[in-house]
ModelCIF file with pLDDT and N, C-alpha, C, O atoms, coordinates in Angstrom:
data_MODEL
#
_entry.id   MODEL 
#
_entity.id                         1 
_entity.type                       polymer 
_entity.pdbx_number_of_molecules   1 
#
_entity_poly.entity_id                      1 
_entity_poly.type                           'polypeptide(L)' 
_entity_poly.nstd_linkage                   no 
_entity_poly.nstd_monomer                   no 
_entity_poly.pdbx_seq_one_letter_code       VQAGGSLRLSCAASARTFSMYTVGWFRQAPGKERESVAAIF 
_entity_poly.pdbx_seq_one_letter_code_can   VQAGGSLRLSCAASARTFSMYTVGWFRQAPGKERESVAAIF 
_entity_poly.pdbx_strand_id                 A 
#
loop_
_entity_poly_seq.entity_id 
_entity_poly_seq.num 
_entity_poly_seq.mon_id 
_entity_poly_seq.hetero 
1 1  VAL n 
1 2  GLN n 
1 3  ALA n 
1 4  GLY n 
1 5  GLY n 
1 6  SER n 
1 7  LEU n 
1 8  ARG n 
1 9  LEU n 
1 10 SER n 
1 11 CYS n 
1 12 ALA n 
1 13 ALA n 
1 14 SER n 
1 15 ALA n 
1 16 ARG n 
1 17 THR n 
1 18 PHE n 
1 19 SER n 
1 20 MET n 
1 21 TYR n 
1 22 THR n 
1 23 VAL n 
1 24 GLY n 
1 25 TRP n 
1 26 PHE n 
1 27 ARG n 
1 28 GLN n 
1 29 ALA n 
1 30 PRO n 
1 31 GLY n 
1 32 LYS n 
1 33 GLU n 
1 34 ARG n 
1 35 GLU n 
1 36 SER n 
1 37 VAL n 
1 38 ALA n 
1 39 ALA n 
1 40 ILE n 
1 41 PHE n 
#
_struct_asym.id          A 
_struct_asym.entity_id   1 
#
loop_
_ma_qa_metric.id 
_ma_qa_metric.mode 
_ma_qa_metric.name 
_ma_qa_metric.software_group_id 
_ma_qa_metric.type 
1 global pLDDT . pLDDT 
2 local  pLDDT . pLDDT 
#
_ma_qa_metric_global.metric_id      1 
_ma_qa_metric_global.metric_value   96.15 
_ma_qa_metric_global.model_id       1 
_ma_qa_metric_global.ordinal_id     1 
#
loop_
_ma_qa_metric_local.label_asym_id 
_ma_qa_metric_local.label_comp_id 
_ma_qa_metric_local.label_seq_id 
_ma_qa_metric_local.metric_id 
_ma_qa_metric_local.metric_value 
_ma_qa_metric_local.model_id 
_ma_qa_metric_local.ordinal_id 
A VAL 1  2 98.00 1 1  
A GLN 2  2 98.00 1 2  
A ALA 3  2 98.00 1 3  
A GLY 4  2 98.00 1 4  
A GLY 5  2 98.00 1 5  
A SER 6  2 98.00 1 6  
A LEU 7  2 98.00 1 7  
A ARG 8  2 98.00 1 8  
A LEU 9  2 98.00 1 9  
A SER 10 2 98.00 1 10 
A CYS 11 2 98.00 1 11 
A ALA 12 2 97.00 1 12 
A ALA 13 2 96.00 1 13 
A SER 14 2 94.00 1 14 
A ALA 15 2 84.00 1 15 
A ARG 16 2 84.00 1 16 
A THR 17 2 91.00 1 17 
A PHE 18 2 93.00 1 18 
A SER 19 2 93.00 1 19 
A MET 20 2 95.00 1 20 
A TYR 21 2 96.00 1 21 
A THR 22 2 97.00 1 22 
A VAL 23 2 97.00 1 23 
A GLY 24 2 98.00 1 24 
A TRP 25 2 98.00 1 25 
A PHE 26 2 98.00 1 26 
A ARG 27 2 98.00 1 27 
A GLN 28 2 98.00 1 28 
A ALA 29 2 97.00 1 29 
A PRO 30 2 93.00 1 30 
A GLY 31 2 94.00 1 31 
A LYS 32 2 96.00 1 32 
A GLU 33 2 96.00 1 33 
A ARG 34 2 97.00 1 34 
A GLU 35 2 97.00 1 35 
A SER 36 2 98.00 1 36 
A VAL 37 2 98.00 1 37 
A ALA 38 2 98.00 1 38 
A ALA 39 2 98.00 1 39 
A ILE 40 2 98.00 1 40 
A PHE 41 2 97.00 1 41 
#
loop_
_atom_site.group_PDB 
_atom_site.id 
_atom_site.type_symbol 
_atom_site.label_atom_id 
_atom_site.label_alt_id 
_atom_site.label_comp_id 
_atom_site.label_asym_id 
_atom_site.label_entity_id 
_atom_site.label_seq_id 
_atom_site.pdbx_PDB_ins_code 
_atom_site.Cartn_x 
_atom_site.Cartn_y 
_atom_site.Cartn_z 
_atom_site.occupancy 
_atom_site.B_iso_or_equiv 
_atom_site.pdbx_formal_charge 
_atom_site.auth_seq_id 
_atom_site.auth_comp_id 
_atom_site.auth_asym_id 
_atom_site.auth_atom_id 
_atom_site.pdbx_PDB_model_num 
ATOM 1   N N  . VAL A 1 1  ? 48.371 -23.205 -52.918 1.00 98.00 ? 1  VAL A N  1 
ATOM 2   C CA . VAL A 1 1  ? 49.585 -22.571 -53.410 1.00 98.00 ? 1  VAL A CA 1 
ATOM 3   C C  . VAL A 1 1  ? 50.729 -22.846 -52.448 1.00 98.00 ? 1  VAL A C  1 
ATOM 4   O O  . VAL A 1 1  ? 50.518 -23.180 -51.282 1.00 98.00 ? 1  VAL A O  1 
ATOM 5   N N  . GLN A 1 2  ? 51.936 -22.699 -52.958 1.00 98.00 ? 2  GLN A N  1 
ATOM 6   C CA . GLN A 1 2  ? 53.120 -22.844 -52.131 1.00 98.00 ? 2  GLN A CA 1 
ATOM 7   C C  . GLN A 1 2  ? 53.400 -21.560 -51.368 1.00 98.00 ? 2  GLN A C  1 
ATOM 8   O O  . GLN A 1 2  ? 53.060 -20.468 -51.824 1.00 98.00 ? 2  GLN A O  1 
ATOM 9   N N  . ALA A 1 3  ? 54.015 -21.697 -50.211 1.00 98.00 ? 3  ALA A N  1 
ATOM 10  C CA . ALA A 1 3  ? 54.432 -20.525 -49.457 1.00 98.00 ? 3  ALA A CA 1 
ATOM 11  C C  . ALA A 1 3  ? 55.292 -19.626 -50.331 1.00 98.00 ? 3  ALA A C  1 
ATOM 12  O O  . ALA A 1 3  ? 56.163 -20.091 -51.066 1.00 98.00 ? 3  ALA A O  1 
ATOM 13  N N  . GLY A 1 4  ? 55.030 -18.334 -50.234 1.00 98.00 ? 4  GLY A N  1 
ATOM 14  C CA . GLY A 1 4  ? 55.720 -17.372 -51.070 1.00 98.00 ? 4  GLY A CA 1 
ATOM 15  C C  . GLY A 1 4  ? 55.035 -17.095 -52.388 1.00 98.00 ? 4  GLY A C  1 
ATOM 16  O O  . GLY A 1 4  ? 55.418 -16.175 -53.110 1.00 98.00 ? 4  GLY A O  1 
ATOM 17  N N  . GLY A 1 5  ? 54.030 -17.877 -52.705 1.00 98.00 ? 5  GLY A N  1 
ATOM 18  C CA . GLY A 1 5  ? 53.310 -17.709 -53.945 1.00 98.00 ? 5  GLY A CA 1 
ATOM 19  C C  . GLY A 1 5  ? 52.226 -16.656 -53.861 1.00 98.00 ? 5  GLY A C  1 
ATOM 20  O O  . GLY A 1 5  ? 52.071 -15.976 -52.846 1.00 98.00 ? 5  GLY A O  1 
ATOM 21  N N  . SER A 1 6  ? 51.481 -16.536 -54.943 1.00 98.00 ? 6  SER A N  1 
ATOM 22  C CA . SER A 1 6  ? 50.445 -15.520 -55.054 1.00 98.00 ? 6  SER A CA 1 
ATOM 23  C C  . SER A 1 6  ? 49.132 -16.136 -55.499 1.00 98.00 ? 6  SER A C  1 
ATOM 24  O O  . SER A 1 6  ? 49.094 -17.193 -56.130 1.00 98.00 ? 6  SER A O  1 
ATOM 25  N N  . LEU A 1 7  ? 48.071 -15.451 -55.155 1.00 98.00 ? 7  LEU A N  1 
ATOM 26  C CA . LEU A 1 7  ? 46.737 -15.875 -55.526 1.00 98.00 ? 7  LEU A CA 1 
ATOM 27  C C  . LEU A 1 7  ? 45.848 -14.645 -55.582 1.00 98.00 ? 7  LEU A C  1 
ATOM 28  O O  . LEU A 1 7  ? 46.025 -13.710 -54.800 1.00 98.00 ? 7  LEU A O  1 
ATOM 29  N N  . ARG A 1 8  ? 44.903 -14.642 -56.493 1.00 98.00 ? 8  ARG A N  1 
ATOM 30  C CA . ARG A 1 8  ? 43.957 -13.541 -56.564 1.00 98.00 ? 8  ARG A CA 1 
ATOM 31  C C  . ARG A 1 8  ? 42.538 -14.059 -56.403 1.00 98.00 ? 8  ARG A C  1 
ATOM 32  O O  . ARG A 1 8  ? 42.104 -14.959 -57.122 1.00 98.00 ? 8  ARG A O  1 
ATOM 33  N N  . LEU A 1 9  ? 41.826 -13.481 -55.457 1.00 98.00 ? 9  LEU A N  1 
ATOM 34  C CA . LEU A 1 9  ? 40.427 -13.791 -55.233 1.00 98.00 ? 9  LEU A CA 1 
ATOM 35  C C  . LEU A 1 9  ? 39.563 -12.707 -55.862 1.00 98.00 ? 9  LEU A C  1 
ATOM 36  O O  . LEU A 1 9  ? 39.938 -11.536 -55.894 1.00 98.00 ? 9  LEU A O  1 
ATOM 37  N N  . SER A 1 10 ? 38.409 -13.112 -56.356 1.00 98.00 ? 10 SER A N  1 
ATOM 38  C CA . SER A 1 10 ? 37.469 -12.178 -56.946 1.00 98.00 ? 10 SER A CA 1 
ATOM 39  C C  . SER A 1 10 ? 36.120 -12.302 -56.258 1.00 98.00 ? 10 SER A C  1 
ATOM 40  O O  . SER A 1 10 ? 35.742 -13.375 -55.788 1.00 98.00 ? 10 SER A O  1 
ATOM 41  N N  . CYS A 1 11 ? 35.412 -11.206 -56.208 1.00 98.00 ? 11 CYS A N  1 
ATOM 42  C CA . CYS A 1 11 ? 34.078 -11.162 -55.632 1.00 98.00 ? 11 CYS A CA 1 
ATOM 43  C C  . CYS A 1 11 ? 33.214 -10.309 -56.540 1.00 98.00 ? 11 CYS A C  1 
ATOM 44  O O  . CYS A 1 11 ? 33.399 -9.095  -56.620 1.00 98.00 ? 11 CYS A O  1 
ATOM 45  N N  . ALA A 1 12 ? 32.273 -10.937 -57.220 1.00 97.00 ? 12 ALA A N  1 
ATOM 46  C CA . ALA A 1 12 ? 31.396 -10.243 -58.147 1.00 97.00 ? 12 ALA A CA 1 
ATOM 47  C C  . ALA A 1 12 ? 30.034 -10.039 -57.507 1.00 97.00 ? 12 ALA A C  1 
ATOM 48  O O  . ALA A 1 12 ? 29.453 -10.974 -56.955 1.00 97.00 ? 12 ALA A O  1 
ATOM 49  N N  . ALA A 1 13 ? 29.530 -8.823  -57.582 1.00 96.00 ? 13 ALA A N  1 
ATOM 50  C CA . ALA A 1 13 ? 28.283 -8.460  -56.932 1.00 96.00 ? 13 ALA A CA 1 
ATOM 51  C C  . ALA A 1 13 ? 27.192 -8.167  -57.940 1.00 96.00 ? 13 ALA A C  1 
ATOM 52  O O  . ALA A 1 13 ? 27.458 -7.718  -59.055 1.00 96.00 ? 13 ALA A O  1 
ATOM 53  N N  . SER A 1 14 ? 25.958 -8.428  -57.531 1.00 94.00 ? 14 SER A N  1 
ATOM 54  C CA . SER A 1 14 ? 24.808 -8.164  -58.390 1.00 94.00 ? 14 SER A CA 1 
ATOM 55  C C  . SER A 1 14 ? 24.264 -6.752  -58.263 1.00 94.00 ? 14 SER A C  1 
ATOM 56  O O  . SER A 1 14 ? 23.398 -6.356  -59.043 1.00 94.00 ? 14 SER A O  1 
ATOM 57  N N  . ALA A 1 15 ? 24.748 -5.992  -57.307 1.00 84.00 ? 15 ALA A N  1 
ATOM 58  C CA . ALA A 1 15 ? 24.208 -4.669  -57.038 1.00 84.00 ? 15 ALA A CA 1 
ATOM 59  C C  . ALA A 1 15 ? 24.409 -3.720  -58.213 1.00 84.00 ? 15 ALA A C  1 
ATOM 60  O O  . ALA A 1 15 ? 25.496 -3.641  -58.785 1.00 84.00 ? 15 ALA A O  1 
ATOM 61  N N  . ARG A 1 16 ? 23.366 -3.017  -58.559 1.00 84.00 ? 16 ARG A N  1 
ATOM 62  C CA . ARG A 1 16 ? 23.469 -2.027  -59.632 1.00 84.00 ? 16 ARG A CA 1 
ATOM 63  C C  . ARG A 1 16 ? 24.261 -0.808  -59.179 1.00 84.00 ? 16 ARG A C  1 
ATOM 64  O O  . ARG A 1 16 ? 25.016 -0.225  -59.956 1.00 84.00 ? 16 ARG A O  1 
ATOM 65  N N  . THR A 1 17 ? 24.086 -0.429  -57.925 1.00 91.00 ? 17 THR A N  1 
ATOM 66  C CA . THR A 1 17 ? 24.775 0.726   -57.365 1.00 91.00 ? 17 THR A CA 1 
ATOM 67  C C  . THR A 1 17 ? 26.007 0.266   -56.591 1.00 91.00 ? 17 THR A C  1 
ATOM 68  O O  . THR A 1 17 ? 26.162 0.564   -55.407 1.00 91.00 ? 17 THR A O  1 
ATOM 69  N N  . PHE A 1 18 ? 26.868 -0.456  -57.273 1.00 93.00 ? 18 PHE A N  1 
ATOM 70  C CA . PHE A 1 18 ? 27.986 -1.111  -56.621 1.00 93.00 ? 18 PHE A CA 1 
ATOM 71  C C  . PHE A 1 18 ? 28.935 -0.128  -55.951 1.00 93.00 ? 18 PHE A C  1 
ATOM 72  O O  . PHE A 1 18 ? 29.520 -0.443  -54.914 1.00 93.00 ? 18 PHE A O  1 
ATOM 73  N N  . SER A 1 19 ? 29.093 1.050   -56.523 1.00 93.00 ? 19 SER A N  1 
ATOM 74  C CA . SER A 1 19 ? 30.041 2.003   -55.969 1.00 93.00 ? 19 SER A CA 1 
ATOM 75  C C  . SER A 1 19 ? 29.655 2.479   -54.575 1.00 93.00 ? 19 SER A C  1 
ATOM 76  O O  . SER A 1 19 ? 30.494 3.017   -53.852 1.00 93.00 ? 19 SER A O  1 
ATOM 77  N N  . MET A 1 20 ? 28.406 2.290   -54.193 1.00 95.00 ? 20 MET A N  1 
ATOM 78  C CA . MET A 1 20 ? 27.952 2.686   -52.874 1.00 95.00 ? 20 MET A CA 1 
ATOM 79  C C  . MET A 1 20 ? 28.129 1.586   -51.816 1.00 95.00 ? 20 MET A C  1 
ATOM 80  O O  . MET A 1 20 ? 27.725 1.745   -50.664 1.00 95.00 ? 20 MET A O  1 
ATOM 81  N N  . TYR A 1 21 ? 28.733 0.482   -52.227 1.00 96.00 ? 21 TYR A N  1 
ATOM 82  C CA . TYR A 1 21 ? 28.914 -0.630  -51.312 1.00 96.00 ? 21 TYR A CA 1 
ATOM 83  C C  . TYR A 1 21 ? 30.351 -0.737  -50.847 1.00 96.00 ? 21 TYR A C  1 
ATOM 84  O O  . TYR A 1 21 ? 31.291 -0.693  -51.640 1.00 96.00 ? 21 TYR A O  1 
ATOM 85  N N  . THR A 1 22 ? 30.492 -0.876  -49.557 1.00 97.00 ? 22 THR A N  1 
ATOM 86  C CA . THR A 1 22 ? 31.756 -1.283  -48.988 1.00 97.00 ? 22 THR A CA 1 
ATOM 87  C C  . THR A 1 22 ? 31.874 -2.802  -49.115 1.00 97.00 ? 22 THR A C  1 
ATOM 88  O O  . THR A 1 22 ? 30.918 -3.530  -48.849 1.00 97.00 ? 22 THR A O  1 
ATOM 89  N N  . VAL A 1 23 ? 33.036 -3.265  -49.517 1.00 97.00 ? 23 VAL A N  1 
ATOM 90  C CA . VAL A 1 23 ? 33.277 -4.697  -49.653 1.00 97.00 ? 23 VAL A CA 1 
ATOM 91  C C  . VAL A 1 23 ? 34.475 -5.079  -48.805 1.00 97.00 ? 23 VAL A C  1 
ATOM 92  O O  . VAL A 1 23 ? 35.527 -4.444  -48.869 1.00 97.00 ? 23 VAL A O  1 
ATOM 93  N N  . GLY A 1 24 ? 34.303 -6.109  -48.022 1.00 98.00 ? 24 GLY A N  1 
ATOM 94  C CA . GLY A 1 24 ? 35.377 -6.604  -47.179 1.00 98.00 ? 24 GLY A CA 1 
ATOM 95  C C  . GLY A 1 24 ? 35.714 -8.043  -47.494 1.00 98.00 ? 24 GLY A C  1 
ATOM 96  O O  . GLY A 1 24 ? 34.879 -8.803  -47.985 1.00 98.00 ? 24 GLY A O  1 
ATOM 97  N N  . TRP A 1 25 ? 36.951 -8.405  -47.203 1.00 98.00 ? 25 TRP A N  1 
ATOM 98  C CA . TRP A 1 25 ? 37.387 -9.787  -47.246 1.00 98.00 ? 25 TRP A CA 1 
ATOM 99  C C  . TRP A 1 25 ? 37.643 -10.251 -45.820 1.00 98.00 ? 25 TRP A C  1 
ATOM 100 O O  . TRP A 1 25 ? 38.293 -9.565  -45.032 1.00 98.00 ? 25 TRP A O  1 
ATOM 101 N N  . PHE A 1 26 ? 37.124 -11.413 -45.512 1.00 98.00 ? 26 PHE A N  1 
ATOM 102 C CA . PHE A 1 26 ? 37.250 -12.013 -44.196 1.00 98.00 ? 26 PHE A CA 1 
ATOM 103 C C  . PHE A 1 26 ? 37.785 -13.428 -44.349 1.00 98.00 ? 26 PHE A C  1 
ATOM 104 O O  . PHE A 1 26 ? 37.663 -14.039 -45.411 1.00 98.00 ? 26 PHE A O  1 
ATOM 105 N N  . ARG A 1 27 ? 38.366 -13.932 -43.300 1.00 98.00 ? 27 ARG A N  1 
ATOM 106 C CA . ARG A 1 27 ? 38.825 -15.315 -43.339 1.00 98.00 ? 27 ARG A CA 1 
ATOM 107 C C  . ARG A 1 27 ? 38.567 -15.989 -42.005 1.00 98.00 ? 27 ARG A C  1 
ATOM 108 O O  . ARG A 1 27 ? 38.517 -15.345 -40.956 1.00 98.00 ? 27 ARG A O  1 
ATOM 109 N N  . GLN A 1 28 ? 38.407 -17.294 -42.073 1.00 98.00 ? 28 GLN A N  1 
ATOM 110 C CA . GLN A 1 28 ? 38.155 -18.074 -40.883 1.00 98.00 ? 28 GLN A CA 1 
ATOM 111 C C  . GLN A 1 28 ? 38.874 -19.407 -40.985 1.00 98.00 ? 28 GLN A C  1 
ATOM 112 O O  . GLN A 1 28 ? 38.650 -20.184 -41.914 1.00 98.00 ? 28 GLN A O  1 
ATOM 113 N N  . ALA A 1 29 ? 39.735 -19.656 -40.022 1.00 97.00 ? 29 ALA A N  1 
ATOM 114 C CA . ALA A 1 29 ? 40.423 -20.927 -39.906 1.00 97.00 ? 29 ALA A CA 1 
ATOM 115 C C  . ALA A 1 29 ? 39.723 -21.766 -38.854 1.00 97.00 ? 29 ALA A C  1 
ATOM 116 O O  . ALA A 1 29 ? 39.048 -21.217 -37.983 1.00 97.00 ? 29 ALA A O  1 
ATOM 117 N N  . PRO A 1 30 ? 39.866 -23.092 -38.911 1.00 93.00 ? 30 PRO A N  1 
ATOM 118 C CA . PRO A 1 30 ? 39.212 -23.948 -37.928 1.00 93.00 ? 30 PRO A CA 1 
ATOM 119 C C  . PRO A 1 30 ? 39.563 -23.552 -36.499 1.00 93.00 ? 30 PRO A C  1 
ATOM 120 O O  . PRO A 1 30 ? 40.732 -23.359 -36.166 1.00 93.00 ? 30 PRO A O  1 
ATOM 121 N N  . GLY A 1 31 ? 38.544 -23.433 -35.664 1.00 94.00 ? 31 GLY A N  1 
ATOM 122 C CA . GLY A 1 31 ? 38.742 -23.074 -34.274 1.00 94.00 ? 31 GLY A CA 1 
ATOM 123 C C  . GLY A 1 31 ? 39.029 -21.616 -34.024 1.00 94.00 ? 31 GLY A C  1 
ATOM 124 O O  . GLY A 1 31 ? 39.272 -21.221 -32.883 1.00 94.00 ? 31 GLY A O  1 
ATOM 125 N N  . LYS A 1 32 ? 39.008 -20.806 -35.065 1.00 96.00 ? 32 LYS A N  1 
ATOM 126 C CA . LYS A 1 32 ? 39.301 -19.388 -34.928 1.00 96.00 ? 32 LYS A CA 1 
ATOM 127 C C  . LYS A 1 32 ? 38.075 -18.552 -35.262 1.00 96.00 ? 32 LYS A C  1 
ATOM 128 O O  . LYS A 1 32 ? 37.191 -18.986 -36.000 1.00 96.00 ? 32 LYS A O  1 
ATOM 129 N N  . GLU A 1 33 ? 38.038 -17.358 -34.711 1.00 96.00 ? 33 GLU A N  1 
ATOM 130 C CA . GLU A 1 33 ? 36.982 -16.424 -35.063 1.00 96.00 ? 33 GLU A CA 1 
ATOM 131 C C  . GLU A 1 33 ? 37.208 -15.884 -36.463 1.00 96.00 ? 33 GLU A C  1 
ATOM 132 O O  . GLU A 1 33 ? 38.338 -15.802 -36.944 1.00 96.00 ? 33 GLU A O  1 
ATOM 133 N N  . ARG A 1 34 ? 36.118 -15.519 -37.100 1.00 97.00 ? 34 ARG A N  1 
ATOM 134 C CA . ARG A 1 34 ? 36.230 -14.872 -38.388 1.00 97.00 ? 34 ARG A CA 1 
ATOM 135 C C  . ARG A 1 34 ? 36.872 -13.502 -38.209 1.00 97.00 ? 34 ARG A C  1 
ATOM 136 O O  . ARG A 1 34 ? 36.465 -12.724 -37.347 1.00 97.00 ? 34 ARG A O  1 
ATOM 137 N N  . GLU A 1 35 ? 37.866 -13.219 -39.019 1.00 97.00 ? 35 GLU A N  1 
ATOM 138 C CA . GLU A 1 35 ? 38.568 -11.959 -38.897 1.00 97.00 ? 35 GLU A CA 1 
ATOM 139 C C  . GLU A 1 35 ? 38.539 -11.182 -40.198 1.00 97.00 ? 35 GLU A C  1 
ATOM 140 O O  . GLU A 1 35 ? 38.502 -11.752 -41.289 1.00 97.00 ? 35 GLU A O  1 
ATOM 141 N N  . SER A 1 36 ? 38.557 -9.888  -40.057 1.00 98.00 ? 36 SER A N  1 
ATOM 142 C CA . SER A 1 36 ? 38.639 -9.027  -41.217 1.00 98.00 ? 36 SER A CA 1 
ATOM 143 C C  . SER A 1 36 ? 40.060 -9.026  -41.751 1.00 98.00 ? 36 SER A C  1 
ATOM 144 O O  . SER A 1 36 ? 41.017 -8.882  -40.991 1.00 98.00 ? 36 SER A O  1 
ATOM 145 N N  . VAL A 1 37 ? 40.194 -9.187  -43.051 1.00 98.00 ? 37 VAL A N  1 
ATOM 146 C CA . VAL A 1 37 ? 41.487 -9.179  -43.714 1.00 98.00 ? 37 VAL A CA 1 
ATOM 147 C C  . VAL A 1 37 ? 41.740 -7.843  -44.394 1.00 98.00 ? 37 VAL A C  1 
ATOM 148 O O  . VAL A 1 37 ? 42.803 -7.243  -44.230 1.00 98.00 ? 37 VAL A O  1 
ATOM 149 N N  . ALA A 1 38 ? 40.776 -7.391  -45.143 1.00 98.00 ? 38 ALA A N  1 
ATOM 150 C CA . ALA A 1 38 ? 40.893 -6.151  -45.895 1.00 98.00 ? 38 ALA A CA 1 
ATOM 151 C C  . ALA A 1 38 ? 39.510 -5.650  -46.226 1.00 98.00 ? 38 ALA A C  1 
ATOM 152 O O  . ALA A 1 38 ? 38.547 -6.417  -46.242 1.00 98.00 ? 38 ALA A O  1 
ATOM 153 N N  . ALA A 1 39 ? 39.415 -4.372  -46.488 1.00 98.00 ? 39 ALA A N  1 
ATOM 154 C CA . ALA A 1 39 ? 38.156 -3.795  -46.913 1.00 98.00 ? 39 ALA A CA 1 
ATOM 155 C C  . ALA A 1 39 ? 38.436 -2.618  -47.814 1.00 98.00 ? 39 ALA A C  1 
ATOM 156 O O  . ALA A 1 39 ? 39.452 -1.937  -47.681 1.00 98.00 ? 39 ALA A O  1 
ATOM 157 N N  . ILE A 1 40 ? 37.520 -2.389  -48.731 1.00 98.00 ? 40 ILE A N  1 
ATOM 158 C CA . ILE A 1 40 ? 37.577 -1.207  -49.564 1.00 98.00 ? 40 ILE A CA 1 
ATOM 159 C C  . ILE A 1 40 ? 36.225 -0.523  -49.438 1.00 98.00 ? 40 ILE A C  1 
ATOM 160 O O  . ILE A 1 40 ? 35.180 -1.130  -49.669 1.00 98.00 ? 40 ILE A O  1 
ATOM 161 N N  . PHE A 1 41 ? 36.266 0.737   -49.071 1.00 97.00 ? 41 PHE A N  1 
ATOM 162 C CA . PHE A 1 41 ? 35.057 1.420   -48.657 1.00 97.00 ? 41 PHE A CA 1 
ATOM 163 C C  . PHE A 1 41 ? 34.361 2.122   -49.814 1.00 97.00 ? 41 PHE A C  1 
ATOM 164 O O  . PHE A 1 41 ? 33.318 2.747   -49.619 1.00 97.00 ? 41 PHE A O  1 
#
C-alpha cells in the first residue's frame, strides 16, 4: 500500500471457545526484534 493508505488484516481461529482467548498482533522487520503491535484480551 501507499503511505497514508489503509489495510485490514484478519486472523481466523479454530478454537471453539474463542472468547476466552487473547489475540495479539505482532510485527517483525529485518534485523529487528518481534514487537507487539496490538492486543485484544
